[in-house]
Amino acid sequence: MDIQDIQSIELEYLQLIDYQELKKAMILAYPSMPEAYWKESHIATLIERFPEGQVVLKINGQLAGCALSIRVMETTANKPHTYEEITGGYTFSTH
């Protein structure tokens, strides 16, 4: 896509309706890691727990990027941890 093709750029909160586009983007972003994408239930939990922390960028109405986040206690984040530990076993209970 050339810059001349851009009609609109929108920053929005992620909605579950965006999931299929998000999944496709994650698969394209990590081709060497099969099934390295968040499942729909994980995205639903993120949206439920911290909706303002899940954002997408859309160009001409199509998802072009995203940022998924949770907040954790500084004391937890500053200690050595794994991704699984910081996300509460992928439940986001640490948020």
N, C-alpha and C. Protein backbone atom coordinates (compact mmCIF):
# COMPACT_ATOMS: atom_id res chain seq x y z
N MET A 1 0.85 -1.16 0.00
CA MET A 1 0.00 0.00 0.00
C MET A 1 0.90 1.24 0.00
N ASP A 2 0.63 2.12 -0.89
CA ASP A 2 1.34 3.40 -0.94
C ASP A 2 0.62 4.41 -0.07
N ILE A 3 1.33 5.41 0.36
CA ILE A 3 0.73 6.44 1.22
C ILE A 3 -0.45 7.13 0.54
N GLN A 4 -0.43 7.21 -0.78
CA GLN A 4 -1.53 7.82 -1.51
C GLN A 4 -2.82 7.01 -1.39
N ASP A 5 -2.69 5.72 -1.06
CA ASP A 5 -3.85 4.84 -0.93
C ASP A 5 -4.56 4.98 0.41
N ILE A 6 -3.93 5.67 1.36
CA ILE A 6 -4.51 5.79 2.70
C ILE A 6 -5.62 6.84 2.69
N GLN A 7 -6.81 6.37 3.02
CA GLN A 7 -7.97 7.25 3.12
C GLN A 7 -8.26 7.63 4.57
N SER A 8 -7.98 6.69 5.49
CA SER A 8 -8.24 6.98 6.90
C SER A 8 -7.30 6.17 7.79
N ILE A 9 -6.96 6.75 8.92
CA ILE A 9 -6.19 6.08 9.96
C ILE A 9 -6.96 6.29 11.26
N GLU A 10 -7.26 5.18 11.93
CA GLU A 10 -8.05 5.25 13.15
C GLU A 10 -7.37 4.47 14.27
N LEU A 11 -7.37 5.03 15.45
CA LEU A 11 -6.90 4.35 16.65
C LEU A 11 -8.14 4.06 17.48
N GLU A 12 -8.38 2.79 17.75
CA GLU A 12 -9.60 2.38 18.45
C GLU A 12 -9.27 1.39 19.55
N TYR A 13 -10.21 1.25 20.47
CA TYR A 13 -10.09 0.17 21.44
C TYR A 13 -10.45 -1.14 20.73
N LEU A 14 -9.71 -2.18 21.05
CA LEU A 14 -9.95 -3.50 20.48
C LEU A 14 -11.32 -4.00 20.91
N GLN A 15 -12.02 -4.58 19.97
CA GLN A 15 -13.30 -5.21 20.25
C GLN A 15 -13.21 -6.66 19.80
N LEU A 16 -14.01 -7.52 20.38
CA LEU A 16 -13.96 -8.93 20.03
C LEU A 16 -14.28 -9.15 18.55
N ILE A 17 -15.04 -8.27 17.96
CA ILE A 17 -15.35 -8.37 16.53
C ILE A 17 -14.09 -8.26 15.67
N ASP A 18 -13.02 -7.68 16.22
CA ASP A 18 -11.74 -7.55 15.52
C ASP A 18 -10.90 -8.81 15.58
N TYR A 19 -11.35 -9.83 16.31
CA TYR A 19 -10.50 -10.98 16.60
C TYR A 19 -9.95 -11.66 15.35
N GLN A 20 -10.77 -11.95 14.36
CA GLN A 20 -10.27 -12.69 13.20
C GLN A 20 -9.16 -11.94 12.47
N GLU A 21 -9.30 -10.63 12.34
CA GLU A 21 -8.23 -9.83 11.72
C GLU A 21 -6.98 -9.84 12.59
N LEU A 22 -7.17 -9.74 13.90
CA LEU A 22 -6.05 -9.76 14.83
C LEU A 22 -5.32 -11.10 14.76
N LYS A 23 -6.05 -12.19 14.75
CA LYS A 23 -5.45 -13.51 14.66
C LYS A 23 -4.62 -13.64 13.37
N LYS A 24 -5.18 -13.19 12.27
CA LYS A 24 -4.47 -13.23 10.99
C LYS A 24 -3.17 -12.44 11.07
N ALA A 25 -3.21 -11.27 11.69
CA ALA A 25 -2.01 -10.44 11.83
C ALA A 25 -0.97 -11.12 12.70
N MET A 26 -1.39 -11.76 13.78
CA MET A 26 -0.46 -12.44 14.66
C MET A 26 0.20 -13.62 13.95
N ILE A 27 -0.56 -14.35 13.15
CA ILE A 27 -0.01 -15.47 12.40
C ILE A 27 1.03 -14.97 11.38
N LEU A 28 0.72 -13.87 10.71
CA LEU A 28 1.66 -13.29 9.75
C LEU A 28 2.91 -12.74 10.44
N ALA A 29 2.76 -12.22 11.65
CA ALA A 29 3.89 -11.63 12.37
C ALA A 29 4.85 -12.68 12.91
N TYR A 30 4.37 -13.87 13.19
CA TYR A 30 5.20 -14.92 13.79
C TYR A 30 5.14 -16.21 12.96
N PRO A 31 5.59 -16.17 11.70
CA PRO A 31 5.45 -17.35 10.84
C PRO A 31 6.26 -18.56 11.30
N SER A 32 7.33 -18.35 12.04
CA SER A 32 8.15 -19.47 12.49
C SER A 32 7.64 -20.08 13.79
N MET A 33 6.56 -19.52 14.34
CA MET A 33 6.01 -20.02 15.60
C MET A 33 4.55 -20.42 15.39
N PRO A 34 4.33 -21.64 14.92
CA PRO A 34 2.95 -22.09 14.68
C PRO A 34 2.08 -21.92 15.92
N GLU A 35 0.90 -21.48 15.71
CA GLU A 35 -0.09 -21.26 16.77
C GLU A 35 0.39 -20.28 17.83
N ALA A 36 1.22 -19.33 17.44
CA ALA A 36 1.72 -18.31 18.38
C ALA A 36 0.80 -17.10 18.35
N TYR A 37 -0.45 -17.35 18.50
CA TYR A 37 -1.42 -16.26 18.54
C TYR A 37 -2.32 -16.46 19.76
N TRP A 38 -2.84 -15.35 20.26
CA TRP A 38 -3.76 -15.42 21.39
C TRP A 38 -5.07 -16.03 20.93
N LYS A 39 -5.61 -16.88 21.73
CA LYS A 39 -6.92 -17.48 21.45
C LYS A 39 -8.00 -16.43 21.71
N GLU A 40 -9.15 -16.62 21.11
CA GLU A 40 -10.25 -15.67 21.25
C GLU A 40 -10.64 -15.49 22.72
N SER A 41 -10.60 -16.56 23.49
CA SER A 41 -10.95 -16.45 24.91
C SER A 41 -9.97 -15.57 25.67
N HIS A 42 -8.67 -15.61 25.29
CA HIS A 42 -7.68 -14.74 25.92
C HIS A 42 -7.96 -13.28 25.60
N ILE A 43 -8.26 -13.00 24.35
CA ILE A 43 -8.55 -11.63 23.94
C ILE A 43 -9.81 -11.13 24.64
N ALA A 44 -10.81 -11.98 24.76
CA ALA A 44 -12.04 -11.60 25.47
C ALA A 44 -11.73 -11.25 26.92
N THR A 45 -10.85 -12.02 27.56
CA THR A 45 -10.48 -11.74 28.95
C THR A 45 -9.73 -10.42 29.06
N LEU A 46 -8.79 -10.18 28.14
CA LEU A 46 -8.06 -8.90 28.15
C LEU A 46 -9.03 -7.73 28.02
N ILE A 47 -9.95 -7.83 27.09
CA ILE A 47 -10.92 -6.75 26.88
C ILE A 47 -11.78 -6.55 28.12
N GLU A 48 -12.17 -7.65 28.75
CA GLU A 48 -13.00 -7.56 29.95
C GLU A 48 -12.25 -6.93 31.12
N ARG A 49 -11.01 -7.33 31.33
CA ARG A 49 -10.25 -6.87 32.49
C ARG A 49 -9.66 -5.47 32.33
N PHE A 50 -9.26 -5.11 31.11
CA PHE A 50 -8.56 -3.85 30.91
C PHE A 50 -8.83 -3.33 29.49
N PRO A 51 -10.08 -2.95 29.20
CA PRO A 51 -10.44 -2.56 27.83
C PRO A 51 -9.62 -1.39 27.29
N GLU A 52 -9.28 -0.43 28.16
CA GLU A 52 -8.54 0.73 27.68
C GLU A 52 -7.07 0.42 27.40
N GLY A 53 -6.63 -0.79 27.72
CA GLY A 53 -5.25 -1.20 27.46
C GLY A 53 -5.09 -2.01 26.19
N GLN A 54 -6.18 -2.21 25.46
CA GLN A 54 -6.15 -3.02 24.24
C GLN A 54 -6.56 -2.11 23.07
N VAL A 55 -5.61 -1.76 22.24
CA VAL A 55 -5.89 -0.81 21.16
C VAL A 55 -5.46 -1.37 19.82
N VAL A 56 -6.13 -0.91 18.78
CA VAL A 56 -5.79 -1.31 17.42
C VAL A 56 -5.67 -0.07 16.55
N LEU A 57 -4.84 -0.18 15.56
CA LEU A 57 -4.69 0.86 14.55
C LEU A 57 -5.30 0.29 13.28
N LYS A 58 -6.20 1.05 12.67
CA LYS A 58 -6.83 0.60 11.43
C LYS A 58 -6.53 1.60 10.32
N ILE A 59 -6.13 1.08 9.19
CA ILE A 59 -5.91 1.89 8.01
C ILE A 59 -6.96 1.48 6.99
N ASN A 60 -7.70 2.46 6.53
CA ASN A 60 -8.81 2.20 5.61
C ASN A 60 -9.74 1.12 6.14
N GLY A 61 -9.96 1.13 7.45
CA GLY A 61 -10.88 0.19 8.09
C GLY A 61 -10.32 -1.19 8.35
N GLN A 62 -9.05 -1.45 7.97
CA GLN A 62 -8.46 -2.76 8.19
C GLN A 62 -7.41 -2.68 9.28
N LEU A 63 -7.38 -3.69 10.13
CA LEU A 63 -6.43 -3.73 11.22
C LEU A 63 -5.00 -3.71 10.68
N ALA A 64 -4.20 -2.78 11.18
CA ALA A 64 -2.80 -2.65 10.73
C ALA A 64 -1.82 -2.84 11.87
N GLY A 65 -2.28 -2.79 13.11
CA GLY A 65 -1.41 -2.97 14.26
C GLY A 65 -2.21 -3.00 15.54
N CYS A 66 -1.57 -3.44 16.60
CA CYS A 66 -2.26 -3.48 17.89
C CYS A 66 -1.27 -3.40 19.03
N ALA A 67 -1.79 -3.08 20.20
CA ALA A 67 -1.04 -3.11 21.44
C ALA A 67 -1.95 -3.75 22.48
N LEU A 68 -1.50 -4.85 23.04
CA LEU A 68 -2.24 -5.55 24.09
C LEU A 68 -1.46 -5.39 25.38
N SER A 69 -2.14 -5.05 26.47
CA SER A 69 -1.41 -4.79 27.70
C SER A 69 -2.21 -5.14 28.95
N ILE A 70 -1.46 -5.35 30.02
CA ILE A 70 -2.02 -5.47 31.36
C ILE A 70 -1.14 -4.63 32.27
N ARG A 71 -1.65 -4.30 33.42
CA ARG A 71 -0.85 -3.61 34.44
C ARG A 71 -0.54 -4.62 35.53
N VAL A 72 0.70 -4.59 35.99
CA VAL A 72 1.09 -5.46 37.10
C VAL A 72 1.81 -4.61 38.14
N MET A 73 1.82 -5.11 39.35
CA MET A 73 2.51 -4.41 40.43
C MET A 73 3.99 -4.28 40.08
N GLU A 74 4.57 -3.15 40.38
CA GLU A 74 5.98 -2.90 40.09
C GLU A 74 6.87 -3.94 40.77
N THR A 75 6.52 -4.30 41.99
CA THR A 75 7.34 -5.29 42.70
C THR A 75 7.32 -6.64 41.98
N THR A 76 6.21 -6.97 41.37
CA THR A 76 6.10 -8.21 40.60
C THR A 76 6.90 -8.11 39.31
N ALA A 77 6.75 -7.01 38.61
CA ALA A 77 7.42 -6.82 37.32
C ALA A 77 8.93 -6.73 37.45
N ASN A 78 9.40 -6.19 38.57
CA ASN A 78 10.85 -5.99 38.74
C ASN A 78 11.59 -7.25 39.18
N LYS A 79 10.86 -8.26 39.60
CA LYS A 79 11.49 -9.53 39.97
C LYS A 79 11.64 -10.38 38.71
N PRO A 80 12.61 -11.28 38.72
CA PRO A 80 12.71 -12.21 37.59
C PRO A 80 11.39 -12.98 37.44
N HIS A 81 10.92 -13.11 36.22
CA HIS A 81 9.65 -13.78 35.98
C HIS A 81 9.60 -14.30 34.54
N THR A 82 8.71 -15.23 34.33
CA THR A 82 8.44 -15.71 32.98
C THR A 82 7.19 -15.00 32.48
N TYR A 83 6.95 -15.15 31.20
CA TYR A 83 5.74 -14.56 30.61
C TYR A 83 4.50 -15.20 31.24
N GLU A 84 4.56 -16.50 31.44
CA GLU A 84 3.44 -17.20 32.05
C GLU A 84 3.18 -16.69 33.46
N GLU A 85 4.23 -16.46 34.23
CA GLU A 85 4.06 -15.95 35.60
C GLU A 85 3.48 -14.54 35.61
N ILE A 86 3.99 -13.67 34.74
CA ILE A 86 3.54 -12.27 34.77
C ILE A 86 2.08 -12.14 34.32
N THR A 87 1.61 -13.10 33.51
CA THR A 87 0.22 -13.05 33.05
C THR A 87 -0.71 -13.89 33.91
N GLY A 88 -0.18 -14.45 35.01
CA GLY A 88 -1.03 -15.29 35.86
C GLY A 88 -1.47 -16.56 35.16
N GLY A 89 -0.54 -17.20 34.46
CA GLY A 89 -0.88 -18.42 33.74
C GLY A 89 -1.78 -18.14 32.56
N TYR A 90 -1.58 -16.99 31.94
CA TYR A 90 -2.37 -16.54 30.78
C TYR A 90 -3.82 -16.24 31.12
N THR A 91 -4.10 -16.03 32.41
CA THR A 91 -5.47 -15.68 32.83
C THR A 91 -5.62 -14.19 33.05
N PHE A 92 -4.48 -13.48 33.11
CA PHE A 92 -4.41 -12.04 33.36
C PHE A 92 -4.93 -11.68 34.74
N SER A 93 -4.89 -12.64 35.65
CA SER A 93 -5.31 -12.41 37.03
C SER A 93 -4.33 -11.51 37.76
N THR A 94 -3.16 -11.30 37.20
CA THR A 94 -2.16 -10.42 37.82
C THR A 94 -2.45 -8.95 37.53
N HIS A 95 -3.40 -8.67 36.66
CA HIS A 95 -3.76 -7.28 36.34
C HIS A 95 -4.46 -6.64 37.53
